[in-house]
Amino acid sequence: MSNERAGSKSSQKKQGIYYGWYVIAALFFATFLAIGSRQGFGVFVKTWEQDWQISTATVSIAASVGWLVNGVSQPFVGRMTDVYGGRRVVVISLMVMAIATIGVSYVTNIYGLIALYGFVISFASGGISPATTGVIVARWFEKKRGMAMAVLIAGGSVGGLIVVPFLSYVLIEFSWQTAYWLVGGLALALGVPLLLVVVRSGPEDMGLKIDGEDSSGISDSEIVVKSVGPMFVEKWRDSLGSKPIWQLSIAYFVCGITTASISVHFVRWAISEDISTGTAALAFGVLSGINAAGVLVIGLLSDRWQRKNLLGAVYLVRGIAFISLIVLPGSSAIWAFAVIGGMSWLATVPLTASLTADVYGVRNLGTLFGFANMAHQLGGAAAVMLFGWAFTVWGSYDVPFAIGALTLLVAGIVSLSIREKRVSVRYSQVTPVPDGAAVDSGSGGVGTSSQGGA
């Protein structure tokens, strides 16, 4: 028997690359397209103002509606992921988003932009957000969850690095219509087929266990166990009575305020400082490139250190980046923001997603992280509108940037206040239970230690 088990373990080691990494590669490309194209919205603000004879505040309405609709979609697509599996959600979402993106190239006024970008694209892109892709990754990985999440989110950073400057180039050389047609066509021709062929909702669809264990190598006499944390619950509603979900959501609300405002208004701010669209897009690309590396470093560290400390630090660093936009001359501020902001830009996503999974488990992760993402997008919707209004009225972004820096200070403090060692399965003394056993929602977990919630 011992020889059989040894042989089974040896065969598992020879399986090669764990299939979960192929899933991440496909989701990386989808995230690259989805986030990259959404971050490129700001490239076209000035052009639409001129073409349609409208103000910055008016263009901001389309972006604000988009962030709002995207936020509302998050709990919905997250719940669909929990119930039906992530594969169906991401495939259908990217297909709809791709077709609607091509459709944007044919709109001739702000109303068409609001309809297609604000409603259709923004709702569909909720299905290519961490509320769905993050859930898929969390179900494939546990031991290296932080790093796996980071690689996934790096797709968005690379999207900003490549797609935003690319859209700027196409705008200058051809037209904004061509830019949207190309991005939508690429997603439809390559992104959707790749998701269909590669992505599976969880390792059980491939006859595997989480982290790559082959279920066929486990005999009936062996018991597969899983760890259950002190705040794991059977029903997602039971989580709403605990502190961590609100702490994470409040901080993520601020994340939305600061990322949305920059993605829409960064290029417009640069133009107001006599910096060209091309230079601004390049600076945003530099920010995204630095962030791609930063996210991977954060992911590696988050599997070793407390995630909440890293999360708090990320928010505080981003606050410094916002201050640089106020105190430095425009020609210096744009590059200072690219470097400092790049160290923190999308790093909040893998940390927030991983923390949510660590505290509440993956059973209802789509729904719970969907609520956190909704908070993120609602903050973004409000910020996009208010930043546009402020610039239209005052001709400057200084006051909104100062408010952004202040909210980031609050987010940093709130994140640091999370009692991770008491609520996370990574640090709790838990008793493993048989795989497939239900969680006792009345006690907050199964086989937990006496340690309580936050």
Protein backbone atom coordinates (compact mmCIF):
# COMPACT_ATOMS: atom_id res chain seq x y z
CA MET A 1 0.00 0.00 0.00
CA SER A 2 2.80 2.40 0.91
CA ASN A 3 4.48 1.71 -2.44
CA GLU A 4 1.19 2.42 -4.25
CA ARG A 5 0.82 5.76 -2.48
CA ALA A 6 4.42 6.63 -3.15
CA GLY A 7 3.90 5.84 -6.81
CA SER A 8 0.75 7.96 -6.87
CA LYS A 9 2.55 10.92 -5.34
CA SER A 10 5.43 10.49 -7.77
CA SER A 11 3.06 10.46 -10.75
CA GLN A 12 1.41 13.64 -9.49
CA LYS A 13 4.78 15.37 -9.33
CA LYS A 14 5.41 14.42 -12.96
CA GLN A 15 2.18 15.95 -14.22
CA GLY A 16 3.97 19.10 -15.31
CA ILE A 17 2.48 22.58 -15.14
CA TYR A 18 -0.64 22.76 -13.02
CA TYR A 19 -3.64 23.45 -15.27
CA GLY A 20 -4.69 26.35 -13.06
CA TRP A 21 -1.87 28.40 -14.56
CA TYR A 22 -3.32 27.91 -18.05
CA VAL A 23 -6.64 29.16 -16.73
CA ILE A 24 -4.88 32.23 -15.35
CA ALA A 25 -3.17 32.83 -18.70
CA ALA A 26 -6.53 32.90 -20.51
CA LEU A 27 -8.10 35.13 -17.86
CA PHE A 28 -4.99 37.34 -17.98
CA PHE A 29 -5.65 38.05 -21.66
CA ALA A 30 -9.36 38.74 -21.06
CA THR A 31 -8.46 41.10 -18.22
CA PHE A 32 -5.81 42.72 -20.43
CA LEU A 33 -8.51 43.61 -22.98
CA ALA A 34 -11.33 44.50 -20.57
CA ILE A 35 -9.41 46.70 -18.14
CA GLY A 36 -7.08 48.11 -20.77
CA SER A 37 -9.96 49.31 -22.94
CA ARG A 38 -11.86 50.79 -19.99
CA GLN A 39 -8.78 52.64 -18.77
CA GLY A 40 -8.39 54.02 -22.27
CA PHE A 41 -11.68 55.95 -22.02
CA GLY A 42 -9.86 59.07 -20.86
CA VAL A 43 -7.83 59.20 -24.08
CA PHE A 44 -10.96 60.22 -26.01
CA VAL A 45 -12.51 62.78 -23.63
CA LYS A 46 -11.05 65.86 -25.31
CA THR A 47 -11.81 64.50 -28.80
CA TRP A 48 -15.47 63.88 -27.94
CA GLU A 49 -15.71 67.36 -26.46
CA GLN A 50 -14.56 68.83 -29.75
CA ASP A 51 -16.48 66.50 -32.08
CA TRP A 52 -19.80 66.74 -30.27
CA GLN A 53 -19.41 70.28 -28.85
CA ILE A 54 -19.93 69.22 -25.24
CA SER A 55 -18.16 69.86 -21.91
CA THR A 56 -15.91 67.66 -19.80
CA ALA A 57 -18.77 67.33 -17.29
CA THR A 58 -21.07 66.01 -20.02
CA VAL A 59 -18.58 63.37 -21.17
CA SER A 60 -18.13 62.46 -17.51
CA ILE A 61 -21.81 61.50 -17.38
CA ALA A 62 -21.17 58.56 -19.74
CA ALA A 63 -18.19 57.43 -17.67
CA SER A 64 -20.04 57.91 -14.38
CA VAL A 65 -23.07 55.94 -15.60
CA GLY A 66 -20.65 53.25 -16.72
CA TRP A 67 -19.01 52.95 -13.32
CA LEU A 68 -22.40 52.96 -11.61
CA VAL A 69 -23.85 50.26 -13.87
CA ASN A 70 -20.68 48.20 -13.55
CA GLY A 71 -20.95 48.45 -9.77
CA VAL A 72 -24.57 47.30 -9.75
CA SER A 73 -23.62 44.34 -11.94
CA GLN A 74 -20.96 43.06 -9.53
CA PRO A 75 -23.10 41.24 -6.92
CA PHE A 76 -25.28 39.88 -9.74
CA VAL A 77 -22.43 38.39 -11.81
CA GLY A 78 -20.72 37.29 -8.61
CA ARG A 79 -23.81 35.36 -7.56
CA MET A 80 -24.12 33.85 -11.03
CA THR A 81 -20.51 32.69 -10.68
CA ASP A 82 -21.22 31.06 -7.33
CA VAL A 83 -24.29 29.28 -8.70
CA TYR A 84 -23.46 28.44 -12.33
CA GLY A 85 -19.66 28.58 -12.43
CA GLY A 86 -17.31 31.26 -13.67
CA ARG A 87 -16.67 29.88 -17.15
CA ARG A 88 -20.14 30.64 -18.47
CA VAL A 89 -20.13 34.12 -16.98
CA VAL A 90 -16.76 35.23 -18.36
CA VAL A 91 -17.39 33.84 -21.86
CA ILE A 92 -20.80 35.46 -22.28
CA SER A 93 -19.62 38.71 -20.70
CA LEU A 94 -16.60 39.12 -22.96
CA MET A 95 -18.68 38.28 -26.04
CA VAL A 96 -21.28 40.95 -25.23
CA MET A 97 -18.59 43.46 -24.30
CA ALA A 98 -16.71 42.86 -27.57
CA ILE A 99 -19.78 43.32 -29.78
CA ALA A 100 -20.85 46.47 -27.91
CA THR A 101 -17.30 47.90 -28.14
CA ILE A 102 -17.43 47.54 -31.91
CA GLY A 103 -20.84 49.23 -31.76
CA VAL A 104 -19.35 52.28 -30.00
CA SER A 105 -17.37 53.06 -33.16
CA TYR A 106 -20.68 53.86 -34.87
CA VAL A 107 -22.17 56.25 -32.27
CA THR A 108 -22.47 59.92 -33.23
CA ASN A 109 -23.40 61.64 -29.99
CA ILE A 110 -23.16 61.44 -26.20
CA TYR A 111 -26.49 59.59 -25.95
CA GLY A 112 -25.18 56.68 -27.99
CA LEU A 113 -22.04 56.61 -25.85
CA ILE A 114 -24.09 56.53 -22.66
CA ALA A 115 -26.26 53.71 -24.04
CA LEU A 116 -23.46 51.45 -25.27
CA TYR A 117 -20.56 52.32 -22.98
CA GLY A 118 -22.52 53.43 -19.94
CA PHE A 119 -24.94 50.50 -19.88
CA VAL A 120 -24.09 47.55 -22.14
CA ILE A 121 -20.28 47.50 -22.01
CA SER A 122 -20.12 48.47 -18.36
CA PHE A 123 -22.59 45.79 -17.26
CA ALA A 124 -20.89 43.12 -19.37
CA SER A 125 -17.43 44.06 -18.13
CA GLY A 126 -18.63 43.21 -14.64
CA GLY A 127 -18.34 39.60 -15.78
CA ILE A 128 -14.63 40.10 -16.54
CA SER A 129 -13.96 41.67 -13.15
CA PRO A 130 -12.39 40.08 -10.06
CA ALA A 131 -15.93 39.28 -8.85
CA THR A 132 -15.81 36.47 -11.43
CA THR A 133 -12.21 35.97 -12.53
CA GLY A 134 -10.96 36.24 -8.95
CA VAL A 135 -13.42 33.58 -7.84
CA ILE A 136 -12.21 31.21 -10.54
CA VAL A 137 -8.61 31.75 -9.45
CA ALA A 138 -9.46 31.33 -5.75
CA ARG A 139 -11.04 27.97 -6.52
CA TRP A 140 -7.97 26.77 -8.40
CA PHE A 141 -5.39 28.03 -5.86
CA GLU A 142 -5.06 28.12 -2.09
CA LYS A 143 -1.38 27.87 -1.13
CA LYS A 144 -0.28 30.36 -3.78
CA ARG A 145 -3.53 32.30 -3.93
CA GLY A 146 -1.91 35.71 -3.43
CA MET A 147 0.57 35.18 -6.24
CA ALA A 148 -2.06 33.67 -8.54
CA MET A 149 -4.37 36.64 -7.97
CA ALA A 150 -1.49 39.01 -8.62
CA VAL A 151 -0.68 37.40 -11.96
CA LEU A 152 -4.33 37.69 -12.97
CA ILE A 153 -4.57 41.37 -12.00
CA ALA A 154 -1.26 42.09 -13.70
CA GLY A 155 -3.25 41.52 -16.90
CA GLY A 156 -5.04 44.79 -16.19
CA SER A 157 -1.73 46.56 -15.59
CA VAL A 158 -0.29 45.24 -18.84
CA GLY A 159 -3.52 46.33 -20.50
CA GLY A 160 -2.91 49.87 -19.31
CA LEU A 161 0.72 49.64 -20.39
CA ILE A 162 -0.09 48.53 -23.95
CA VAL A 163 -3.72 49.29 -24.74
CA VAL A 164 -3.86 52.91 -23.53
CA PRO A 165 -0.83 54.12 -25.57
CA PHE A 166 -2.08 51.99 -28.47
CA LEU A 167 -5.48 53.68 -28.39
CA SER A 168 -3.76 57.07 -28.28
CA TYR A 169 -1.67 56.13 -31.33
CA VAL A 170 -4.71 54.93 -33.30
CA LEU A 171 -6.61 58.09 -32.31
CA ILE A 172 -3.82 60.34 -33.57
CA GLU A 173 -3.06 58.37 -36.74
CA PHE A 174 -6.59 57.28 -37.67
CA SER A 175 -9.67 57.97 -35.53
CA TRP A 176 -11.32 57.09 -32.24
CA GLN A 177 -13.82 54.96 -34.19
CA THR A 178 -10.99 52.81 -35.54
CA ALA A 179 -9.60 52.39 -32.05
CA TYR A 180 -12.85 51.00 -30.68
CA TRP A 181 -13.35 48.73 -33.69
CA LEU A 182 -9.90 47.21 -33.27
CA VAL A 183 -10.25 46.52 -29.54
CA GLY A 184 -13.72 45.01 -29.92
CA GLY A 185 -12.64 42.89 -32.88
CA LEU A 186 -9.61 41.57 -31.02
CA ALA A 187 -11.73 40.55 -28.04
CA LEU A 188 -14.27 38.81 -30.27
CA ALA A 189 -11.76 37.04 -32.52
CA LEU A 190 -9.20 35.96 -29.90
CA GLY A 191 -10.43 36.57 -26.37
CA VAL A 192 -13.75 34.73 -26.51
CA PRO A 193 -12.40 31.55 -28.22
CA LEU A 194 -9.48 31.43 -25.77
CA LEU A 195 -11.84 31.51 -22.78
CA LEU A 196 -14.05 28.83 -24.33
CA VAL A 197 -11.16 26.45 -24.95
CA VAL A 198 -9.07 26.95 -21.81
CA VAL A 199 -11.09 28.17 -18.84
CA ARG A 200 -12.83 25.81 -16.42
CA SER A 201 -14.76 27.00 -13.37
CA GLY A 202 -12.78 24.87 -10.91
CA PRO A 203 -10.24 22.05 -10.67
CA GLU A 204 -13.00 19.47 -10.15
CA ASP A 205 -13.95 20.02 -13.80
CA MET A 206 -10.56 18.56 -14.73
CA GLY A 207 -10.55 15.74 -12.18
CA LEU A 208 -8.15 17.72 -9.99
CA LYS A 209 -8.10 19.07 -6.47
CA ILE A 210 -7.15 22.61 -5.52
CA ASP A 211 -3.44 23.37 -6.04
CA GLY A 212 -3.11 20.47 -8.47
CA GLU A 213 -3.67 17.25 -6.60
CA ASP A 214 -5.03 14.53 -8.91
CA SER A 215 -8.23 13.17 -7.38
CA SER A 216 -7.73 9.85 -9.19
CA GLY A 217 -4.70 9.20 -7.02
CA ILE A 218 -6.74 9.23 -3.80
CA SER A 219 -8.14 5.93 -2.61
CA ASP A 220 -11.52 5.55 -0.95
CA SER A 221 -9.78 4.91 2.36
CA GLU A 222 -8.06 8.29 2.27
CA ILE A 223 -9.96 11.29 3.62
CA VAL A 224 -9.53 14.58 1.80
CA VAL A 225 -9.71 17.45 4.26
CA LYS A 226 -9.97 21.19 4.05
CA SER A 227 -9.38 23.93 6.59
CA VAL A 228 -12.28 26.10 7.70
CA GLY A 229 -11.65 29.52 9.21
CA PRO A 230 -13.41 31.12 12.18
CA MET A 231 -15.64 33.28 9.96
CA PHE A 232 -16.53 30.80 7.21
CA VAL A 233 -20.31 30.63 6.83
CA GLU A 234 -22.77 28.64 4.76
CA LYS A 235 -24.92 31.63 3.74
CA TRP A 236 -23.35 34.80 2.38
CA ARG A 237 -25.81 37.03 4.28
CA ASP A 238 -24.34 35.87 7.59
CA SER A 239 -21.07 37.54 6.62
CA LEU A 240 -22.68 40.98 6.54
CA GLY A 241 -22.85 41.05 10.32
CA SER A 242 -19.05 40.97 10.67
CA LYS A 243 -16.52 43.81 10.46
CA PRO A 244 -14.03 42.62 7.80
CA ILE A 245 -16.45 42.77 4.86
CA TRP A 246 -17.29 46.38 5.72
CA GLN A 247 -13.67 47.35 6.35
CA LEU A 248 -12.65 45.89 3.00
CA SER A 249 -15.60 47.50 1.24
CA ILE A 250 -14.99 50.97 2.72
CA ALA A 251 -11.35 50.89 1.65
CA TYR A 252 -12.33 49.53 -1.77
CA PHE A 253 -14.85 52.37 -2.15
CA VAL A 254 -11.91 54.76 -1.86
CA CYS A 255 -9.95 52.66 -4.33
CA GLY A 256 -12.77 53.21 -6.80
CA ILE A 257 -12.76 56.96 -6.20
CA THR A 258 -9.07 57.27 -6.98
CA THR A 259 -8.68 54.81 -9.86
CA ALA A 260 -11.84 55.86 -11.73
CA SER A 261 -11.07 59.55 -11.49
CA ILE A 262 -7.60 59.04 -12.91
CA SER A 263 -8.63 56.61 -15.66
CA VAL A 264 -11.15 59.17 -16.97
CA HIS A 265 -9.52 62.50 -16.12
CA PHE A 266 -5.76 61.90 -16.18
CA VAL A 267 -5.32 62.73 -19.86
CA ARG A 268 -7.70 65.69 -19.54
CA TRP A 269 -5.68 66.99 -16.59
CA ALA A 270 -2.47 66.61 -18.58
CA ILE A 271 -3.91 68.60 -21.51
CA SER A 272 -4.88 71.37 -19.06
CA GLU A 273 -1.20 71.42 -18.03
CA ASP A 274 -0.13 71.82 -21.70
CA ILE A 275 0.96 68.18 -21.95
CA SER A 276 0.05 66.35 -25.15
CA THR A 277 -2.37 63.43 -25.31
CA GLY A 278 0.40 61.15 -26.53
CA THR A 279 2.68 62.04 -23.63
CA ALA A 280 -0.14 61.59 -21.12
CA ALA A 281 -1.00 58.18 -22.56
CA LEU A 282 2.67 57.22 -22.42
CA ALA A 283 2.85 58.29 -18.77
CA PHE A 284 -0.20 56.18 -17.98
CA GLY A 285 1.49 53.31 -19.78
CA VAL A 286 4.58 53.77 -17.61
CA LEU A 287 2.32 53.78 -14.53
CA SER A 288 0.75 50.52 -15.68
CA GLY A 289 4.12 48.94 -16.46
CA ILE A 290 5.48 49.75 -13.02
CA ASN A 291 2.23 48.48 -11.54
CA ALA A 292 2.51 45.16 -13.37
CA ALA A 293 5.81 44.53 -11.61
CA GLY A 294 4.50 45.95 -8.34
CA VAL A 295 1.44 43.71 -8.36
CA LEU A 296 3.58 40.61 -8.79
CA VAL A 297 5.85 41.66 -5.91
CA ILE A 298 2.81 42.36 -3.74
CA GLY A 299 1.38 38.95 -4.66
CA LEU A 300 4.60 37.20 -3.68
CA LEU A 301 4.82 39.07 -0.38
CA SER A 302 1.14 38.57 0.42
CA ASP A 303 1.62 34.81 0.64
CA ARG A 304 4.23 35.44 3.36
CA TRP A 305 3.10 38.60 5.21
CA GLN A 306 -0.21 39.85 6.52
CA ARG A 307 -2.23 41.03 3.54
CA LYS A 308 -3.92 43.87 5.46
CA ASN A 309 -0.56 45.53 6.20
CA LEU A 310 0.34 45.47 2.53
CA LEU A 311 -3.13 46.76 1.62
CA GLY A 312 -2.85 49.68 4.03
CA ALA A 313 0.60 50.56 2.68
CA VAL A 314 -0.69 50.51 -0.91
CA TYR A 315 -3.42 53.04 -0.12
CA LEU A 316 -1.01 55.34 1.70
CA VAL A 317 1.50 55.26 -1.16
CA ARG A 318 -1.25 56.11 -3.62
CA GLY A 319 -2.14 59.08 -1.41
CA ILE A 320 1.40 60.41 -1.86
CA ALA A 321 0.97 60.06 -5.63
CA PHE A 322 -2.16 62.23 -5.53
CA ILE A 323 -0.38 64.86 -3.48
CA SER A 324 2.36 65.01 -6.13
CA LEU A 325 -0.24 66.10 -8.71
CA ILE A 326 -0.99 69.16 -6.57
CA VAL A 327 2.40 70.29 -5.31
CA LEU A 328 4.60 69.64 -8.36
CA PRO A 329 4.61 71.42 -11.74
CA GLY A 330 2.64 69.54 -14.38
CA SER A 331 5.69 68.42 -16.37
CA SER A 332 7.19 66.85 -13.24
CA ALA A 333 3.94 65.76 -11.61
CA ILE A 334 2.89 63.55 -14.50
CA TRP A 335 6.01 61.38 -14.18
CA ALA A 336 6.09 61.48 -10.38
CA PHE A 337 2.51 60.23 -10.37
CA ALA A 338 3.36 57.54 -12.93
CA VAL A 339 6.17 56.18 -10.74
CA ILE A 340 4.60 56.54 -7.29
CA GLY A 341 1.09 55.68 -8.41
CA GLY A 342 2.42 52.77 -10.42
CA MET A 343 3.66 51.12 -7.25
CA SER A 344 0.11 50.93 -5.93
CA TRP A 345 -2.39 51.13 -8.77
CA LEU A 346 -4.10 47.74 -9.09
CA ALA A 347 -2.29 46.12 -6.17
CA THR A 348 -5.41 46.56 -4.04
CA VAL A 349 -7.34 44.05 -6.15
CA PRO A 350 -5.46 40.79 -5.43
CA LEU A 351 -5.04 41.78 -1.79
CA THR A 352 -8.74 42.54 -1.31
CA ALA A 353 -9.86 39.44 -3.19
CA SER A 354 -7.44 37.17 -1.34
CA LEU A 355 -8.37 38.64 2.04
CA THR A 356 -12.05 38.13 1.33
CA ALA A 357 -11.38 34.48 0.43
CA ASP A 358 -9.17 33.99 3.51
CA VAL A 359 -11.79 35.39 5.87
CA TYR A 360 -15.01 34.02 4.38
CA GLY A 361 -13.94 31.11 2.18
CA VAL A 362 -14.67 30.54 -1.50
CA ARG A 363 -18.21 29.12 -1.25
CA ASN A 364 -19.80 32.58 -1.55
CA LEU A 365 -16.75 34.51 -2.71
CA GLY A 366 -18.37 35.73 -5.93
CA THR A 367 -21.27 37.30 -4.06
CA LEU A 368 -19.18 38.80 -1.26
CA PHE A 369 -16.41 40.16 -3.46
CA GLY A 370 -19.15 41.33 -5.80
CA PHE A 371 -20.42 43.60 -3.01
CA ALA A 372 -16.89 44.90 -2.41
CA ASN A 373 -16.55 45.56 -6.14
CA MET A 374 -19.91 47.32 -6.14
CA ALA A 375 -18.60 49.66 -3.45
CA HIS A 376 -15.49 50.22 -5.58
CA GLN A 377 -17.51 51.10 -8.68
CA LEU A 378 -20.00 53.31 -6.83
CA GLY A 379 -17.09 55.31 -5.45
CA GLY A 380 -15.72 55.53 -8.97
CA ALA A 381 -19.05 56.68 -10.43
CA ALA A 382 -19.35 59.51 -7.92
CA ALA A 383 -15.73 60.57 -8.38
CA VAL A 384 -15.86 60.63 -12.19
CA MET A 385 -18.90 62.90 -12.12
CA LEU A 386 -17.62 65.21 -9.40
CA PHE A 387 -14.13 65.50 -10.88
CA GLY A 388 -15.65 66.47 -14.23
CA TRP A 389 -17.95 69.00 -12.58
CA ALA A 390 -15.09 70.50 -10.57
CA PHE A 391 -12.90 70.95 -13.63
CA THR A 392 -15.75 72.49 -15.64
CA VAL A 393 -16.48 74.99 -12.84
CA TRP A 394 -12.97 75.80 -11.57
CA GLY A 395 -10.76 74.83 -14.51
CA SER A 396 -8.53 72.87 -12.14
CA TYR A 397 -8.35 69.41 -10.55
CA ASP A 398 -6.47 70.53 -7.41
CA VAL A 399 -9.42 70.30 -5.01
CA PRO A 400 -10.58 66.86 -6.22
CA PHE A 401 -7.00 65.56 -6.05
CA ALA A 402 -6.69 66.83 -2.46
CA ILE A 403 -9.94 65.08 -1.51
CA GLY A 404 -8.64 61.92 -3.17
CA ALA A 405 -5.47 62.04 -1.07
CA LEU A 406 -7.51 62.51 2.12
CA THR A 407 -9.78 59.54 1.36
CA LEU A 408 -6.72 57.38 0.69
CA LEU A 409 -5.41 58.21 4.15
CA VAL A 410 -8.72 56.99 5.57
CA ALA A 411 -8.58 53.81 3.47
CA GLY A 412 -5.06 53.09 4.68
CA ILE A 413 -6.06 53.40 8.32
CA VAL A 414 -9.20 51.28 7.87
CA SER A 415 -7.22 48.54 6.12
CA LEU A 416 -4.56 48.45 8.81
CA SER A 417 -7.30 48.08 11.46
CA ILE A 418 -8.41 44.68 10.09
CA ARG A 419 -7.55 42.00 12.69
CA GLU A 420 -6.29 39.54 10.13
CA LYS A 421 -4.64 37.14 12.56
CA ARG A 422 -7.98 36.61 14.29
CA VAL A 423 -10.25 36.28 11.26
CA SER A 424 -8.16 34.75 8.47
CA VAL A 425 -7.93 31.00 7.90
CA ARG A 426 -4.20 31.50 7.26
CA TYR A 427 -3.54 32.30 10.92
CA SER A 428 -6.38 30.59 12.78
CA GLN A 429 -5.94 27.30 14.60
CA VAL A 430 -8.53 25.28 12.76
CA THR A 431 -9.48 21.63 12.75
CA PRO A 432 -9.56 20.26 9.20
CA VAL A 433 -12.90 18.76 8.15
CA PRO A 434 -13.79 16.28 5.38
CA ASP A 435 -13.98 17.82 1.92
CA GLY A 436 -17.58 18.63 1.02
CA ALA A 437 -18.74 19.02 4.62
CA ALA A 438 -21.13 21.88 5.19
CA VAL A 439 -20.13 24.90 7.22
CA ASP A 440 -22.10 25.57 10.38
CA SER A 441 -23.43 29.06 9.78
CA GLY A 442 -24.70 29.28 13.28
CA SER A 443 -21.29 29.04 14.91
CA GLY A 444 -19.43 30.89 12.18
CA GLY A 445 -17.38 27.89 11.10
CA VAL A 446 -16.71 24.19 11.43
CA GLY A 447 -14.01 22.91 13.69
CA THR A 448 -12.82 26.39 14.59
CA SER A 449 -10.80 27.37 17.55
CA SER A 450 -12.21 29.61 20.25
CA GLN A 451 -10.91 32.68 18.46
CA GLY A 452 -13.75 34.95 17.49
CA GLY A 453 -14.45 37.41 14.75
CA ALA A 454 -13.13 40.88 14.27
